[in-house]
Amino acid sequence: MPERTHEGWVGVFDSGVGGISILQHLVHELPHEDYVFFGDSAHAPYGEKTDEEVLELSTAAVEGLIAEGCKAVVIACNTATSVAAPTLRAAHPDYPIIGVEPALKPATLAPHHRRILVMATPITLRLDKYHKLAETWGSDSEVLSVPCPGLAARIEKGNLDAPDLTELVRGLVGKYAGTIDSVVLGCTHYPFIKHTIREVLGDVPLYDAGEGTARELHRRLKEKGALNPKQEAGTVEFRSSKDTPAELDLYRWFFAKEA
């Protein structure tokens, strides 16, 4: 990554385009901050790699952002958060490293929470952190954890209204249509296909990690006295390990699209 000459910016990292759904929430919550979004699209998706691979890739990305002088890092990926965040926080104990996790808590606190479907990557669902989350917040609900292999990789390609994407979602979760109270989107890619998920499952509430992550970043920056004092809108810069004009154009397309 090229060296930046200014400080006071927030680094946002994901395995690909999915974290842009989190970035949208961050910009809405903290519009005066400057952001650098780095997507590791050359190695996406993380959700189907080994824990060791995810840790190595996540560490390289986050350490790179920290070395450049950003004031905080948001790991905008459920898989990378689960696998790498504890290690990175231990290595940088005084540094704000904010992660994401499946939004089971708000789903279980909603009035209708008898049956909750969790869509996530295979690696997220097999990690102890997820199982502890489900035990903590899912004791009063039936939590249906459904791995969705291939879905993040398909969203990464764009063309989100194509019939093949609808059929992929239908094949993964279609059998639950009409039988659930809500859906937790346990991968940051999935908010970009809310319309498709509702087309398959019906008009049910969908929960994702965006708002909670943005509030946590706000809290941590305020706590450190690190909020940007300027009044004008901040900047957003996109970078990708698949460093091509087409890939960066895809990032900008996703950022402009409502998730």
C-alpha atoms as a PDB file:
ATOM      1  CA  MET A   1       0.000   0.000   0.000  1.00  0.00           C
ATOM      2  CA  PRO A   2       1.336   3.486  -0.779  1.00  0.00           C
ATOM      3  CA  GLU A   3       2.293   5.596   2.212  1.00  0.00           C
ATOM      4  CA  ARG A   4      -0.161   8.286   3.237  1.00  0.00           C
ATOM      5  CA  THR A   5       1.039  11.685   4.362  1.00  0.00           C
ATOM      6  CA  HIS A   6      -1.799  12.517   6.741  1.00  0.00           C
ATOM      7  CA  GLU A   7      -3.185  10.995   9.895  1.00  0.00           C
ATOM      8  CA  GLY A   8      -6.622  11.051  11.482  1.00  0.00           C
ATOM      9  CA  TRP A   9      -8.314   8.532   9.182  1.00  0.00           C
ATOM     10  CA  VAL A  10     -10.172   5.296   9.830  1.00  0.00           C
ATOM     11  CA  GLY A  11      -9.091   2.084   8.133  1.00  0.00           C
ATOM     12  CA  VAL A  12     -11.841  -0.327   7.113  1.00  0.00           C
ATOM     13  CA  PHE A  13     -10.916  -3.833   6.032  1.00  0.00           C
ATOM     14  CA  ASP A  14     -12.787  -6.760   4.524  1.00  0.00           C
ATOM     15  CA  SER A  15     -12.028  -9.758   2.361  1.00  0.00           C
ATOM     16  CA  GLY A  16     -13.829  -8.019  -0.505  1.00  0.00           C
ATOM     17  CA  VAL A  17     -16.839  -5.840  -1.259  1.00  0.00           C
ATOM     18  CA  GLY A  18     -18.976  -7.003   1.678  1.00  0.00           C
ATOM     19  CA  GLY A  19     -17.421  -4.601   4.155  1.00  0.00           C
ATOM     20  CA  ILE A  20     -18.672  -1.726   2.056  1.00  0.00           C
ATOM     21  CA  SER A  21     -22.083  -2.358   3.656  1.00  0.00           C
ATOM     22  CA  ILE A  22     -20.422  -1.589   7.007  1.00  0.00           C
ATOM     23  CA  LEU A  23     -18.599   1.400   5.516  1.00  0.00           C
ATOM     24  CA  GLN A  24     -21.948   2.893   4.510  1.00  0.00           C
ATOM     25  CA  HIS A  25     -23.108   2.780   8.130  1.00  0.00           C
ATOM     26  CA  LEU A  26     -19.826   4.287   9.343  1.00  0.00           C
ATOM     27  CA  VAL A  27     -20.113   7.220   6.950  1.00  0.00           C
ATOM     28  CA  HIS A  28     -23.732   7.772   7.985  1.00  0.00           C
ATOM     29  CA  GLU A  29     -22.854   7.717  11.696  1.00  0.00           C
ATOM     30  CA  LEU A  30     -19.586   9.690  11.399  1.00  0.00           C
ATOM     31  CA  PRO A  31     -19.793  11.721   8.174  1.00  0.00           C
ATOM     32  CA  HIS A  32     -16.866  14.010   9.032  1.00  0.00           C
ATOM     33  CA  GLU A  33     -14.292  11.233   9.287  1.00  0.00           C
ATOM     34  CA  ASP A  34     -11.915  10.249   6.497  1.00  0.00           C
ATOM     35  CA  TYR A  35     -11.920   6.566   5.537  1.00  0.00           C
ATOM     36  CA  VAL A  36      -9.671   4.184   3.653  1.00  0.00           C
ATOM     37  CA  PHE A  37     -11.402   0.965   2.642  1.00  0.00           C
ATOM     38  CA  PHE A  38      -9.144  -1.968   1.784  1.00  0.00           C
ATOM     39  CA  GLY A  39     -10.687  -5.057   0.238  1.00  0.00           C
ATOM     40  CA  ASP A  40      -8.610  -8.197  -0.088  1.00  0.00           C
ATOM     41  CA  SER A  41     -10.502  -9.291  -3.192  1.00  0.00           C
ATOM     42  CA  ALA A  42      -7.516 -11.192  -4.563  1.00  0.00           C
ATOM     43  CA  HIS A  43      -8.043 -13.700  -1.733  1.00  0.00           C
ATOM     44  CA  ALA A  44     -11.841 -13.521  -1.292  1.00  0.00           C
ATOM     45  CA  PRO A  45     -13.884 -15.056   0.145  1.00  0.00           C
ATOM     46  CA  TYR A  46     -12.404 -15.643   3.594  1.00  0.00           C
ATOM     47  CA  GLY A  47     -15.418 -17.610   4.804  1.00  0.00           C
ATOM     48  CA  GLU A  48     -14.311 -20.764   3.015  1.00  0.00           C
ATOM     49  CA  LYS A  49     -10.595 -20.659   3.951  1.00  0.00           C
ATOM     50  CA  THR A  50      -8.829 -22.257   6.916  1.00  0.00           C
ATOM     51  CA  ASP A  51      -8.476 -20.380  10.195  1.00  0.00           C
ATOM     52  CA  GLU A  52      -4.717 -20.161   9.610  1.00  0.00           C
ATOM     53  CA  GLU A  53      -5.157 -18.572   6.189  1.00  0.00           C
ATOM     54  CA  VAL A  54      -7.687 -16.063   7.497  1.00  0.00           C
ATOM     55  CA  LEU A  55      -5.420 -15.088  10.387  1.00  0.00           C
ATOM     56  CA  GLU A  56      -2.429 -14.577   8.101  1.00  0.00           C
ATOM     57  CA  LEU A  57      -4.325 -12.500   5.541  1.00  0.00           C
ATOM     58  CA  SER A  58      -6.190 -10.431   8.149  1.00  0.00           C
ATOM     59  CA  THR A  59      -3.027  -9.714  10.103  1.00  0.00           C
ATOM     60  CA  ALA A  60      -1.212  -8.512   6.983  1.00  0.00           C
ATOM     61  CA  ALA A  61      -4.079  -6.192   6.022  1.00  0.00           C
ATOM     62  CA  VAL A  62      -4.671  -4.696   9.460  1.00  0.00           C
ATOM     63  CA  GLU A  63      -0.978  -4.354  10.302  1.00  0.00           C
ATOM     64  CA  GLY A  64      -0.537  -2.528   7.008  1.00  0.00           C
ATOM     65  CA  LEU A  65      -3.254   0.003   7.846  1.00  0.00           C
ATOM     66  CA  ILE A  66      -1.861   0.532  11.340  1.00  0.00           C
ATOM     67  CA  ALA A  67       1.666   1.004   9.996  1.00  0.00           C
ATOM     68  CA  GLU A  68       0.406   3.801   7.756  1.00  0.00           C
ATOM     69  CA  GLY A  69      -0.889   5.712  10.757  1.00  0.00           C
ATOM     70  CA  CYS A  70      -4.655   5.302  10.801  1.00  0.00           C
ATOM     71  CA  LYS A  71      -6.289   6.087  14.140  1.00  0.00           C
ATOM     72  CA  ALA A  72      -8.633   3.076  14.217  1.00  0.00           C
ATOM     73  CA  VAL A  73      -9.387  -0.066  12.246  1.00  0.00           C
ATOM     74  CA  VAL A  74     -12.787  -1.578  11.590  1.00  0.00           C
ATOM     75  CA  ILE A  75     -12.600  -5.248  10.627  1.00  0.00           C
ATOM     76  CA  ALA A  76     -15.727  -5.270   8.480  1.00  0.00           C
ATOM     77  CA  CYS A  77     -15.845  -9.049   8.101  1.00  0.00           C
ATOM     78  CA  ASN A  78     -17.477 -11.555  10.443  1.00  0.00           C
ATOM     79  CA  THR A  79     -14.977 -14.278   9.598  1.00  0.00           C
ATOM     80  CA  ALA A  80     -11.894 -12.079  10.022  1.00  0.00           C
ATOM     81  CA  THR A  81     -13.286 -10.659  13.268  1.00  0.00           C
ATOM     82  CA  SER A  82     -13.869 -14.106  14.748  1.00  0.00           C
ATOM     83  CA  VAL A  83     -10.494 -15.501  13.709  1.00  0.00           C
ATOM     84  CA  ALA A  84      -8.110 -12.543  13.899  1.00  0.00           C
ATOM     85  CA  ALA A  85      -9.496  -9.766  16.115  1.00  0.00           C
ATOM     86  CA  PRO A  86      -8.379 -11.265  19.463  1.00  0.00           C
ATOM     87  CA  THR A  87      -4.809 -11.705  18.204  1.00  0.00           C
ATOM     88  CA  LEU A  88      -4.669  -8.206  16.727  1.00  0.00           C
ATOM     89  CA  ARG A  89      -6.122  -6.592  19.837  1.00  0.00           C
ATOM     90  CA  ALA A  90      -3.558  -8.399  21.992  1.00  0.00           C
ATOM     91  CA  ALA A  91      -0.787  -7.083  19.726  1.00  0.00           C
ATOM     92  CA  HIS A  92      -2.175  -3.501  19.875  1.00  0.00           C
ATOM     93  CA  PRO A  93      -3.844  -3.184  23.293  1.00  0.00           C
ATOM     94  CA  ASP A  94      -4.146   0.614  23.162  1.00  0.00           C
ATOM     95  CA  TYR A  95      -5.464   0.751  19.617  1.00  0.00           C
ATOM     96  CA  PRO A  96      -9.161   0.800  18.635  1.00  0.00           C
ATOM     97  CA  ILE A  97      -9.790  -2.353  16.608  1.00  0.00           C
ATOM     98  CA  ILE A  98     -13.531  -2.732  16.090  1.00  0.00           C
ATOM     99  CA  GLY A  99     -14.975  -5.933  14.693  1.00  0.00           C
ATOM    100  CA  VAL A 100     -18.373  -7.167  13.612  1.00  0.00           C
ATOM    101  CA  GLU A 101     -20.461 -10.134  14.677  1.00  0.00           C
ATOM    102  CA  PRO A 102     -23.798 -11.628  13.608  1.00  0.00           C
ATOM    103  CA  ALA A 103     -26.634  -9.457  14.924  1.00  0.00           C
ATOM    104  CA  LEU A 104     -28.230 -12.158  17.041  1.00  0.00           C
ATOM    105  CA  LYS A 105     -28.744  -9.894  20.042  1.00  0.00           C
ATOM    106  CA  PRO A 106     -31.171  -7.429  18.372  1.00  0.00           C
ATOM    107  CA  ALA A 107     -32.935 -10.306  16.627  1.00  0.00           C
ATOM    108  CA  THR A 108     -33.552 -12.145  19.905  1.00  0.00           C
ATOM    109  CA  LEU A 109     -34.710  -8.950  21.640  1.00  0.00           C
ATOM    110  CA  ALA A 110     -37.322  -8.221  18.963  1.00  0.00           C
ATOM    111  CA  PRO A 111     -40.995  -8.923  19.785  1.00  0.00           C
ATOM    112  CA  HIS A 112     -41.155 -11.867  17.369  1.00  0.00           C
ATOM    113  CA  HIS A 113     -38.131 -14.085  17.853  1.00  0.00           C
ATOM    114  CA  ARG A 114     -39.342 -17.668  18.107  1.00  0.00           C
ATOM    115  CA  ARG A 115     -37.442 -18.918  15.035  1.00  0.00           C
ATOM    116  CA  ILE A 116     -34.391 -17.001  13.815  1.00  0.00           C
ATOM    117  CA  LEU A 117     -32.514 -17.984  10.690  1.00  0.00           C
ATOM    118  CA  VAL A 118     -28.798 -17.114  10.663  1.00  0.00           C
ATOM    119  CA  MET A 119     -27.173 -16.975   7.239  1.00  0.00           C
ATOM    120  CA  ALA A 120     -23.370 -16.964   7.431  1.00  0.00           C
ATOM    121  CA  THR A 121     -20.201 -18.376   5.952  1.00  0.00           C
ATOM    122  CA  PRO A 122     -19.203 -21.931   6.893  1.00  0.00           C
ATOM    123  CA  ILE A 123     -16.178 -20.778   8.898  1.00  0.00           C
ATOM    124  CA  THR A 124     -18.158 -18.220  10.921  1.00  0.00           C
ATOM    125  CA  LEU A 125     -20.692 -20.834  11.974  1.00  0.00           C
ATOM    126  CA  ARG A 126     -18.115 -23.362  13.086  1.00  0.00           C
ATOM    127  CA  LEU A 127     -16.149 -21.018  15.349  1.00  0.00           C
ATOM    128  CA  ASP A 128     -16.512 -21.060  19.142  1.00  0.00           C
ATOM    129  CA  LYS A 129     -17.257 -17.329  19.176  1.00  0.00           C
ATOM    130  CA  TYR A 130     -20.418 -17.851  17.156  1.00  0.00           C
ATOM    131  CA  HIS A 131     -21.574 -20.770  19.296  1.00  0.00           C
ATOM    132  CA  LYS A 132     -21.070 -18.707  22.463  1.00  0.00           C
ATOM    133  CA  LEU A 133     -23.031 -15.853  20.890  1.00  0.00           C
ATOM    134  CA  ALA A 134     -25.867 -18.205  20.003  1.00  0.00           C
ATOM    135  CA  GLU A 135     -25.873 -19.681  23.513  1.00  0.00           C
ATOM    136  CA  THR A 136     -25.902 -16.240  25.141  1.00  0.00           C
ATOM    137  CA  TRP A 137     -28.651 -14.659  23.060  1.00  0.00           C
ATOM    138  CA  GLY A 138     -30.476 -17.611  21.560  1.00  0.00           C
ATOM    139  CA  SER A 139     -31.660 -19.386  24.709  1.00  0.00           C
ATOM    140  CA  ASP A 140     -35.211 -18.082  24.228  1.00  0.00           C
ATOM    141  CA  SER A 141     -35.311 -18.732  20.483  1.00  0.00           C
ATOM    142  CA  GLU A 142     -34.817 -21.518  17.996  1.00  0.00           C
ATOM    143  CA  VAL A 143     -31.686 -20.454  16.121  1.00  0.00           C
ATOM    144  CA  LEU A 144     -31.325 -22.074  12.719  1.00  0.00           C
ATOM    145  CA  SER A 145     -27.705 -21.691  11.607  1.00  0.00           C
ATOM    146  CA  VAL A 146     -27.367 -22.145   7.852  1.00  0.00           C
ATOM    147  CA  PRO A 147     -23.956 -22.112   6.137  1.00  0.00           C
ATOM    148  CA  CYS A 148     -24.058 -20.385   2.760  1.00  0.00           C
ATOM    149  CA  PRO A 149     -21.009 -21.554   0.784  1.00  0.00           C
ATOM    150  CA  GLY A 150     -20.469 -19.699  -2.467  1.00  0.00           C
ATOM    151  CA  LEU A 151     -22.844 -16.830  -1.692  1.00  0.00           C
ATOM    152  CA  ALA A 152     -20.247 -14.209  -0.736  1.00  0.00           C
ATOM    153  CA  ALA A 153     -18.129 -15.131  -3.753  1.00  0.00           C
ATOM    154  CA  ARG A 154     -21.162 -14.736  -6.034  1.00  0.00           C
ATOM    155  CA  ILE A 155     -22.081 -11.332  -4.562  1.00  0.00           C
ATOM    156  CA  GLU A 156     -18.466 -10.280  -5.082  1.00  0.00           C
ATOM    157  CA  LYS A 157     -19.053 -10.478  -8.841  1.00  0.00           C
ATOM    158  CA  GLY A 158     -21.859  -7.883  -8.859  1.00  0.00           C
ATOM    159  CA  ASN A 159     -24.874  -8.226 -11.189  1.00  0.00           C
ATOM    160  CA  LEU A 160     -27.084  -8.675  -8.142  1.00  0.00           C
ATOM    161  CA  ASP A 161     -30.395  -8.933 -10.004  1.00  0.00           C
ATOM    162  CA  ALA A 162     -29.353 -11.929 -12.100  1.00  0.00           C
ATOM    163  CA  PRO A 163     -31.543 -15.064 -11.898  1.00  0.00           C
ATOM    164  CA  ASP A 164     -28.613 -17.296 -10.921  1.00  0.00           C
ATOM    165  CA  LEU A 165     -28.159 -15.369  -7.664  1.00  0.00           C
ATOM    166  CA  THR A 166     -31.832 -15.783  -6.761  1.00  0.00           C
ATOM    167  CA  GLU A 167     -31.588 -19.497  -7.476  1.00  0.00           C
ATOM    168  CA  LEU A 168     -28.457 -19.777  -5.329  1.00  0.00           C
ATOM    169  CA  VAL A 169     -30.246 -18.149  -2.378  1.00  0.00           C
ATOM    170  CA  ARG A 170     -33.296 -20.321  -2.970  1.00  0.00           C
ATOM    171  CA  GLY A 171     -31.156 -23.439  -2.913  1.00  0.00           C
ATOM    172  CA  LEU A 172     -29.479 -22.400   0.339  1.00  0.00           C
ATOM    173  CA  VAL A 173     -32.446 -21.202   2.403  1.00  0.00           C
ATOM    174  CA  GLY A 174     -35.600 -21.559   0.325  1.00  0.00           C
ATOM    175  CA  LYS A 175     -36.936 -24.433   2.422  1.00  0.00           C
ATOM    176  CA  TYR A 176     -37.359 -22.043   5.376  1.00  0.00           C
ATOM    177  CA  ALA A 177     -39.787 -19.741   3.539  1.00  0.00           C
ATOM    178  CA  GLY A 178     -42.840 -18.944   5.630  1.00  0.00           C
ATOM    179  CA  THR A 179     -41.497 -20.665   8.757  1.00  0.00           C
ATOM    180  CA  ILE A 180     -39.215 -18.072  10.377  1.00  0.00           C
ATOM    181  CA  ASP A 181     -39.658 -14.815  12.284  1.00  0.00           C
ATOM    182  CA  SER A 182     -36.450 -13.056  11.209  1.00  0.00           C
ATOM    183  CA  VAL A 183     -33.107 -13.453   9.449  1.00  0.00           C
ATOM    184  CA  VAL A 184     -29.665 -12.534  10.762  1.00  0.00           C
ATOM    185  CA  LEU A 185     -27.277 -11.637   7.956  1.00  0.00           C
ATOM    186  CA  GLY A 186     -24.063 -13.067   9.362  1.00  0.00           C
ATOM    187  CA  CYS A 187     -21.790 -11.970   6.513  1.00  0.00           C
ATOM    188  CA  THR A 188     -21.228  -8.346   5.500  1.00  0.00           C
ATOM    189  CA  HIS A 189     -21.800  -9.245   1.839  1.00  0.00           C
ATOM    190  CA  TYR A 190     -25.401 -10.288   2.442  1.00  0.00           C
ATOM    191  CA  PRO A 191     -27.030  -6.860   3.078  1.00  0.00           C
ATOM    192  CA  PHE A 192     -26.495  -6.100  -0.610  1.00  0.00           C
ATOM    193  CA  ILE A 193     -29.030  -8.797  -1.546  1.00  0.00           C
ATOM    194  CA  LYS A 194     -31.755  -8.042   0.988  1.00  0.00           C
ATOM    195  CA  HIS A 195     -34.315  -7.816  -1.806  1.00  0.00           C
ATOM    196  CA  THR A 196     -33.357 -11.276  -3.058  1.00  0.00           C
ATOM    197  CA  ILE A 197     -33.472 -12.805   0.426  1.00  0.00           C
ATOM    198  CA  ARG A 198     -36.941 -11.359   0.986  1.00  0.00           C
ATOM    199  CA  GLU A 199     -38.033 -12.593  -2.430  1.00  0.00           C
ATOM    200  CA  VAL A 200     -37.081 -16.113  -1.354  1.00  0.00           C
ATOM    201  CA  LEU A 201     -38.048 -16.066   2.343  1.00  0.00           C
ATOM    202  CA  GLY A 202     -40.846 -13.505   2.494  1.00  0.00           C
ATOM    203  CA  ASP A 203     -41.098 -10.043   4.049  1.00  0.00           C
ATOM    204  CA  VAL A 204     -39.361 -10.804   7.347  1.00  0.00           C
ATOM    205  CA  PRO A 205     -37.106  -8.520   9.436  1.00  0.00           C
ATOM    206  CA  LEU A 206     -33.430  -8.690   8.468  1.00  0.00           C
ATOM    207  CA  TYR A 207     -30.683  -7.882  10.972  1.00  0.00           C
ATOM    208  CA  ASP A 208     -27.084  -7.012  10.170  1.00  0.00           C
ATOM    209  CA  ALA A 209     -24.084  -5.650  12.065  1.00  0.00           C
ATOM    210  CA  GLY A 210     -23.823  -2.223  10.426  1.00  0.00           C
ATOM    211  CA  GLU A 211     -25.521   0.084  12.918  1.00  0.00           C
ATOM    212  CA  GLY A 212     -23.979  -1.512  15.986  1.00  0.00           C
ATOM    213  CA  THR A 213     -20.495  -1.400  14.504  1.00  0.00           C
ATOM    214  CA  ALA A 214     -20.858   2.271  13.596  1.00  0.00           C
ATOM    215  CA  ARG A 215     -22.039   3.144  17.105  1.00  0.00           C
ATOM    216  CA  GLU A 216     -19.099   1.269  18.613  1.00  0.00           C
ATOM    217  CA  LEU A 217     -16.600   3.131  16.414  1.00  0.00           C
ATOM    218  CA  HIS A 218     -18.226   6.421  17.452  1.00  0.00           C
ATOM    219  CA  ARG A 219     -17.978   5.465  21.115  1.00  0.00           C
ATOM    220  CA  ARG A 220     -14.340   4.404  20.894  1.00  0.00           C
ATOM    221  CA  LEU A 221     -13.204   7.501  19.002  1.00  0.00           C
ATOM    222  CA  LYS A 222     -15.082   9.788  21.382  1.00  0.00           C
ATOM    223  CA  GLU A 223     -13.577   7.963  24.354  1.00  0.00           C
ATOM    224  CA  LYS A 224     -10.081   8.595  22.985  1.00  0.00           C
ATOM    225  CA  GLY A 225     -10.833  12.210  22.034  1.00  0.00           C
ATOM    226  CA  ALA A 226     -10.134  11.232  18.434  1.00  0.00           C
ATOM    227  CA  LEU A 227     -13.284  12.376  16.644  1.00  0.00           C
ATOM    228  CA  ASN A 228     -12.546  14.535  13.620  1.00  0.00           C
ATOM    229  CA  PRO A 229     -13.434  18.131  14.564  1.00  0.00           C
ATOM    230  CA  LYS A 230     -13.966  19.361  11.002  1.00  0.00           C
ATOM    231  CA  GLN A 231     -17.461  20.211   9.814  1.00  0.00           C
ATOM    232  CA  GLU A 232     -17.180  19.333   6.145  1.00  0.00           C
ATOM    233  CA  ALA A 233     -17.820  15.844   4.809  1.00  0.00           C
ATOM    234  CA  GLY A 234     -14.955  13.406   5.058  1.00  0.00           C
ATOM    235  CA  THR A 235     -13.323  11.509   2.225  1.00  0.00           C
ATOM    236  CA  VAL A 236     -13.546   7.853   1.236  1.00  0.00           C
ATOM    237  CA  GLU A 237     -10.670   6.133  -0.547  1.00  0.00           C
ATOM    238  CA  PHE A 238     -10.912   2.619  -1.977  1.00  0.00           C
ATOM    239  CA  ARG A 239      -8.082   0.131  -2.359  1.00  0.00           C
ATOM    240  CA  SER A 240      -7.999  -3.512  -3.340  1.00  0.00           C
ATOM    241  CA  SER A 241      -5.434  -6.282  -3.396  1.00  0.00           C
ATOM    242  CA  LYS A 242      -6.881  -7.016  -6.835  1.00  0.00           C
ATOM    243  CA  ASP A 243      -5.602  -3.599  -7.879  1.00  0.00           C
ATOM    244  CA  THR A 244      -7.357  -3.004 -11.183  1.00  0.00           C
ATOM    245  CA  PRO A 245      -9.524  -0.087 -12.357  1.00  0.00           C
ATOM    246  CA  ALA A 246     -12.439  -2.486 -12.855  1.00  0.00           C
ATOM    247  CA  GLU A 247     -12.230  -3.760  -9.274  1.00  0.00           C
ATOM    248  CA  LEU A 248     -12.114  -0.247  -7.798  1.00  0.00           C
ATOM    249  CA  ASP A 249     -15.033   0.769 -10.009  1.00  0.00           C
ATOM    250  CA  LEU A 250     -16.941  -2.216  -8.590  1.00  0.00           C
ATOM    251  CA  TYR A 251     -16.190  -0.999  -5.052  1.00  0.00           C
ATOM    252  CA  ARG A 252     -17.525   2.465  -5.892  1.00  0.00           C
ATOM    253  CA  TRP A 253     -20.639   0.876  -7.446  1.00  0.00           C
ATOM    254  CA  PHE A 254     -21.333  -1.072  -4.268  1.00  0.00           C
ATOM    255  CA  PHE A 255     -20.739   2.037  -2.126  1.00  0.00           C
ATOM    256  CA  ALA A 256     -23.320   3.971  -4.159  1.00  0.00           C
ATOM    257  CA  LYS A 257     -25.823   1.105  -3.920  1.00  0.00           C
ATOM    258  CA  GLU A 258     -28.241   0.903  -1.009  1.00  0.00           C
ATOM    259  CA  ALA A 259     -27.521  -2.123   1.148  1.00  0.00           C
END
